[in-house]
Amino acid sequence: MSPLQPSAALAAAPAVQRVRVLTVNAHKGFSALNRYYVLPELREAVRSENADLVFLQEVLGSHRQHALRHRNWSDVPQYEFLADSLWPEFAYGRNAVYPDGEHGNALLSKYPILRHANLDVSVHGTEQRGLLHSVLALPADCELHTVCVHLGLDERQRQRQLHLLCELLHSLPIDAPVIVAGDFNDWRQRADAVLAECGLNEVFSQAHGRPARSFPARWPLLRLDRIYLRNARAQAPKVMARKPWTHLSDHLPLAVEVLL
């Protein structure tokens, strides 16, 4: 018999029951207050979690001045450096462009990414923001939708962006599993009510009654980072609140097992 093509082999494989998710604001590869370049250490920490999917915010595609200043600067985009050999698939959505470079959101995946698109949700006169929507192929002919999120600092801007996120979700198959994760900058904790209208439930809110404290990393007070699910269940949501994570960004990462 001839070997199965990758798509055929994937369809014939047993269905995936759970997916481990990690969301990290990479802070462009620098520690809090930009004191140290820590991308190599961040890669080792991300690898140690062995997540199936890694949602990244504030990840650099390029930066000419940083490349000149730091001897160990990566020759490839930061999301590709972080993916290394563990995540053969990755998607990137460029949000902000400036004279020296660019940054945006990214998804690292152990499953094939069928397609992805970056939805520009920037509001006039404010920072550039985007929603990175990816469609993944899971075994047993299942499609998983993911959205990597980084919302604005202004409340009115965030409300508009949350409604744009809901519009995106309303366009997806109603029975498809969906994971939405990232930095929502929602320090007033208003996102849960808005996103409940489009079927999303936040994993820490369901487990503990409120989103997790994730900012600033060393003394977390604000509940800015989130993981939302639709047509899936959460198990053991966790804040990565110990070293080395407290020294690798200004945000603490979040992790969860997603049951499909």
Protein backbone atom coordinates (compact mmCIF):
# COMPACT_ATOMS: atom_id res chain seq x y z
CA MET A 1 0.00 0.00 0.00
CA SER A 2 1.18 3.53 -0.72
CA PRO A 3 1.71 5.77 2.36
CA LEU A 4 -1.16 8.01 3.38
CA GLN A 5 -0.95 11.63 2.39
CA PRO A 6 -0.67 13.94 5.44
CA SER A 7 -4.29 15.05 5.14
CA ALA A 8 -5.52 11.48 4.84
CA ALA A 9 -3.38 10.36 7.76
CA LEU A 10 -4.75 13.21 9.87
CA ALA A 11 -8.33 12.31 9.02
CA ALA A 12 -7.69 8.67 9.94
CA ALA A 13 -6.00 9.45 13.27
CA PRO A 14 -7.93 9.22 16.56
CA ALA A 15 -9.85 12.33 17.55
CA VAL A 16 -8.07 14.80 19.83
CA GLN A 17 -9.73 14.93 23.23
CA ARG A 18 -7.69 17.73 24.80
CA VAL A 19 -5.39 20.55 23.74
CA ARG A 20 -2.94 22.31 26.04
CA VAL A 21 -2.97 26.08 25.55
CA LEU A 22 -0.48 28.74 26.63
CA THR A 23 -0.90 32.49 26.08
CA VAL A 24 2.10 34.81 26.48
CA ASN A 25 2.57 38.54 26.01
CA ALA A 26 6.16 38.35 24.74
CA HIS A 27 6.85 42.06 25.41
CA LYS A 28 8.99 42.10 22.24
CA GLY A 29 11.51 39.77 23.85
CA PHE A 30 12.39 42.03 26.78
CA SER A 31 11.90 41.86 30.53
CA ALA A 32 9.71 44.36 32.38
CA LEU A 33 10.74 47.99 31.80
CA ASN A 34 12.82 46.72 28.84
CA ARG A 35 15.83 46.17 31.07
CA TYR A 36 17.09 42.92 29.56
CA TYR A 37 16.80 41.06 26.27
CA VAL A 38 15.36 37.69 27.34
CA LEU A 39 14.01 36.03 24.17
CA PRO A 40 16.35 32.97 24.41
CA GLU A 41 15.25 32.42 28.02
CA LEU A 42 11.61 32.93 27.03
CA ARG A 43 11.97 30.25 24.36
CA GLU A 44 13.26 27.75 26.92
CA ALA A 45 10.39 28.56 29.29
CA VAL A 46 7.79 28.20 26.53
CA ARG A 47 9.34 24.90 25.41
CA SER A 48 9.22 23.55 28.98
CA GLU A 49 5.42 23.82 29.04
CA ASN A 50 5.04 21.60 25.95
CA ALA A 51 1.80 23.32 24.94
CA ASP A 52 0.02 22.27 21.77
CA LEU A 53 -0.93 25.87 20.99
CA VAL A 54 0.91 29.04 22.01
CA PHE A 55 -0.82 32.40 21.62
CA LEU A 56 1.71 35.25 21.42
CA GLN A 57 1.16 38.99 21.67
CA GLU A 58 3.68 41.80 21.16
CA VAL A 59 6.02 39.57 19.17
CA LEU A 60 8.46 41.26 16.80
CA GLY A 61 8.61 40.47 13.12
CA SER A 62 11.73 42.62 12.80
CA HIS A 63 13.58 45.49 14.46
CA ARG A 64 16.71 46.93 12.89
CA GLN A 65 18.04 48.88 15.89
CA HIS A 66 17.61 46.02 18.35
CA ALA A 67 19.43 43.72 15.94
CA LEU A 68 22.42 46.09 16.03
CA ARG A 69 22.42 46.49 19.83
CA HIS A 70 22.11 42.85 20.93
CA ARG A 71 24.76 40.34 19.94
CA ASN A 72 22.45 37.33 20.36
CA TRP A 73 19.55 38.86 18.41
CA SER A 74 17.67 36.29 16.34
CA ASP A 75 18.15 36.30 12.56
CA VAL A 76 14.56 35.13 12.09
CA PRO A 77 11.30 36.73 13.30
CA GLN A 78 10.67 36.22 17.00
CA TYR A 79 7.67 33.95 16.48
CA GLU A 80 9.76 31.67 14.26
CA PHE A 81 12.59 31.67 16.83
CA LEU A 82 10.14 30.72 19.57
CA ALA A 83 8.53 28.02 17.42
CA ASP A 84 11.92 26.36 16.92
CA SER A 85 11.46 22.63 16.25
CA LEU A 86 8.53 22.00 18.62
CA TRP A 87 5.84 23.88 16.69
CA PRO A 88 6.09 23.13 12.98
CA GLU A 89 3.21 25.48 12.15
CA PHE A 90 2.92 29.19 12.92
CA ALA A 91 0.87 32.17 11.83
CA TYR A 92 1.66 35.84 12.25
CA GLY A 93 -0.52 38.93 12.08
CA ARG A 94 1.31 42.24 11.76
CA ASN A 95 -0.35 44.99 13.79
CA ALA A 96 2.08 47.86 14.34
CA VAL A 97 4.62 49.16 11.83
CA TYR A 98 7.25 51.79 12.67
CA PRO A 99 10.53 53.02 11.13
CA ASP A 100 12.70 50.35 12.79
CA GLY A 101 10.41 47.35 12.50
CA GLU A 102 7.03 45.80 13.29
CA HIS A 103 5.21 43.66 15.84
CA GLY A 104 1.95 41.79 16.13
CA ASN A 105 0.24 38.58 17.27
CA ALA A 106 1.27 35.02 16.47
CA LEU A 107 0.09 31.46 16.94
CA LEU A 108 2.41 28.46 17.30
CA SER A 109 0.72 25.13 16.60
CA LYS A 110 1.53 21.44 16.67
CA TYR A 111 -1.43 20.92 14.31
CA PRO A 112 -1.68 22.02 10.68
CA ILE A 113 -2.90 25.57 10.15
CA LEU A 114 -5.27 25.44 7.20
CA ARG A 115 -5.60 29.20 6.84
CA HIS A 116 -5.27 32.38 8.84
CA ALA A 117 -6.19 36.05 8.53
CA ASN A 118 -5.42 39.15 10.56
CA LEU A 119 -8.41 41.40 11.21
CA ASP A 120 -7.41 45.03 11.69
CA VAL A 121 -9.41 46.39 14.63
CA SER A 122 -7.48 49.63 15.04
CA VAL A 123 -9.61 52.61 15.99
CA HIS A 124 -8.78 55.93 14.35
CA GLY A 125 -6.28 57.96 16.36
CA THR A 126 -5.19 55.10 18.63
CA GLU A 127 -2.68 52.25 18.60
CA GLN A 128 -2.75 49.64 15.83
CA ARG A 129 -4.41 46.41 16.98
CA GLY A 130 -5.45 43.15 15.36
CA LEU A 131 -7.24 39.82 15.82
CA LEU A 132 -5.34 36.86 14.36
CA HIS A 133 -7.89 34.22 13.32
CA SER A 134 -6.53 30.78 12.45
CA VAL A 135 -8.27 27.56 11.41
CA LEU A 136 -6.49 24.37 12.48
CA ALA A 137 -6.93 20.83 11.21
CA LEU A 138 -7.24 18.31 14.03
CA PRO A 139 -7.40 14.52 13.62
CA ALA A 140 -10.73 12.87 12.79
CA ASP A 141 -11.62 15.64 10.35
CA CYS A 142 -12.17 18.31 13.01
CA GLU A 143 -11.50 22.03 12.56
CA LEU A 144 -10.52 24.20 15.52
CA HIS A 145 -10.80 27.99 15.33
CA THR A 146 -8.42 30.19 17.31
CA VAL A 147 -8.24 33.96 17.74
CA CYS A 148 -5.15 35.62 19.21
CA VAL A 149 -6.12 38.98 20.72
CA HIS A 150 -4.38 42.17 21.79
CA LEU A 151 -6.85 44.97 22.52
CA GLY A 152 -6.31 48.67 23.06
CA LEU A 153 -5.67 50.70 26.20
CA ASP A 154 -8.68 53.02 25.83
CA GLU A 155 -12.06 51.79 27.13
CA ARG A 156 -14.07 53.03 24.15
CA GLN A 157 -11.54 51.51 21.80
CA ARG A 158 -11.77 48.15 23.59
CA GLN A 159 -15.57 48.13 23.48
CA ARG A 160 -15.49 48.65 19.72
CA GLN A 161 -12.87 45.91 19.35
CA LEU A 162 -14.90 43.49 21.48
CA HIS A 163 -17.89 44.00 19.22
CA LEU A 164 -15.69 43.38 16.17
CA LEU A 165 -14.52 40.17 17.82
CA CYS A 166 -18.15 39.16 18.31
CA GLU A 167 -18.85 39.85 14.63
CA LEU A 168 -15.98 37.53 13.72
CA LEU A 169 -17.31 34.82 16.04
CA HIS A 170 -20.82 35.11 14.62
CA SER A 171 -19.33 34.36 11.19
CA LEU A 172 -17.85 31.01 12.33
CA PRO A 173 -19.67 27.65 12.24
CA ILE A 174 -21.97 27.62 15.26
CA ASP A 175 -20.85 24.16 16.42
CA ALA A 176 -17.09 24.57 15.87
CA PRO A 177 -14.75 24.62 18.89
CA VAL A 178 -13.22 28.07 19.40
CA ILE A 179 -10.33 29.28 21.59
CA VAL A 180 -9.80 33.02 22.03
CA ALA A 181 -6.78 34.10 24.06
CA GLY A 182 -4.46 37.01 24.63
CA ASP A 183 -4.01 40.40 26.25
CA PHE A 184 -7.39 42.11 26.54
CA ASN A 185 -6.17 45.13 28.58
CA ASP A 186 -9.58 44.86 30.26
CA TRP A 187 -8.66 46.23 33.68
CA ARG A 188 -12.30 47.23 34.30
CA GLN A 189 -13.39 43.59 33.72
CA ARG A 190 -16.15 44.36 31.23
CA ALA A 191 -15.21 41.92 28.48
CA ASP A 192 -16.85 38.81 30.00
CA ALA A 193 -20.36 40.25 29.73
CA VAL A 194 -19.86 41.40 26.14
CA LEU A 195 -18.32 38.14 24.96
CA ALA A 196 -20.92 35.98 26.71
CA GLU A 197 -23.37 37.32 24.11
CA CYS A 198 -21.39 35.51 21.40
CA GLY A 199 -21.05 32.29 23.38
CA LEU A 200 -17.62 32.73 24.96
CA ASN A 201 -16.82 31.75 28.54
CA GLU A 202 -13.59 32.78 30.28
CA VAL A 203 -11.79 29.84 31.88
CA PHE A 204 -10.66 31.55 35.10
CA SER A 205 -14.02 33.28 35.57
CA GLN A 206 -15.75 29.91 35.35
CA ALA A 207 -13.27 28.24 37.71
CA HIS A 208 -12.72 31.03 40.25
CA GLY A 209 -15.38 33.67 39.63
CA ARG A 210 -13.01 36.27 38.14
CA PRO A 211 -10.28 36.49 35.50
CA ALA A 212 -6.72 35.85 36.65
CA ARG A 213 -4.36 38.53 37.91
CA SER A 214 -1.55 38.75 35.35
CA PHE A 215 -0.06 42.28 35.36
CA PRO A 216 2.49 43.46 36.33
CA ALA A 217 4.31 40.15 36.32
CA ARG A 218 6.21 40.45 39.61
CA TRP A 219 3.30 41.88 41.64
CA PRO A 220 0.17 41.05 39.62
CA LEU A 221 -2.80 43.27 40.42
CA LEU A 222 -4.67 43.72 37.14
CA ARG A 223 -6.65 41.01 35.34
CA LEU A 224 -5.62 41.75 31.76
CA ASP A 225 -4.96 38.39 30.09
CA ARG A 226 -7.75 35.95 29.26
CA ILE A 227 -8.61 32.59 27.70
CA TYR A 228 -12.16 32.21 26.36
CA LEU A 229 -13.78 29.05 24.99
CA ARG A 230 -16.82 28.16 22.91
CA ASN A 231 -17.97 24.57 22.35
CA ALA A 232 -15.15 23.36 24.61
CA ARG A 233 -14.47 22.95 28.34
CA ALA A 234 -11.55 24.06 30.50
CA GLN A 235 -9.59 21.96 32.93
CA ALA A 236 -7.02 23.22 35.47
CA PRO A 237 -6.47 26.83 34.36
CA LYS A 238 -3.16 28.07 35.72
CA VAL A 239 -1.28 31.36 36.08
CA MET A 240 2.46 30.95 35.46
CA ALA A 241 3.37 33.00 38.52
CA ARG A 242 6.81 31.68 39.43
CA LYS A 243 10.34 32.10 38.10
CA PRO A 244 11.41 32.23 35.35
CA TRP A 245 8.08 33.64 34.12
CA THR A 246 8.07 36.59 36.52
CA HIS A 247 11.29 37.85 34.89
CA LEU A 248 10.54 37.22 31.21
CA SER A 249 7.86 39.83 30.45
CA ASP A 250 5.67 42.44 32.09
CA HIS A 251 2.71 40.00 31.91
CA LEU A 252 2.33 36.53 33.45
CA PRO A 253 1.36 33.78 30.98
CA LEU A 254 -1.81 31.72 31.39
CA ALA A 255 -2.20 28.01 30.66
CA VAL A 256 -5.17 25.63 30.46
CA GLU A 257 -6.16 22.18 29.23
CA VAL A 258 -9.00 22.52 26.73
CA LEU A 259 -11.34 19.53 26.47
CA LEU A 260 -12.91 19.21 23.02
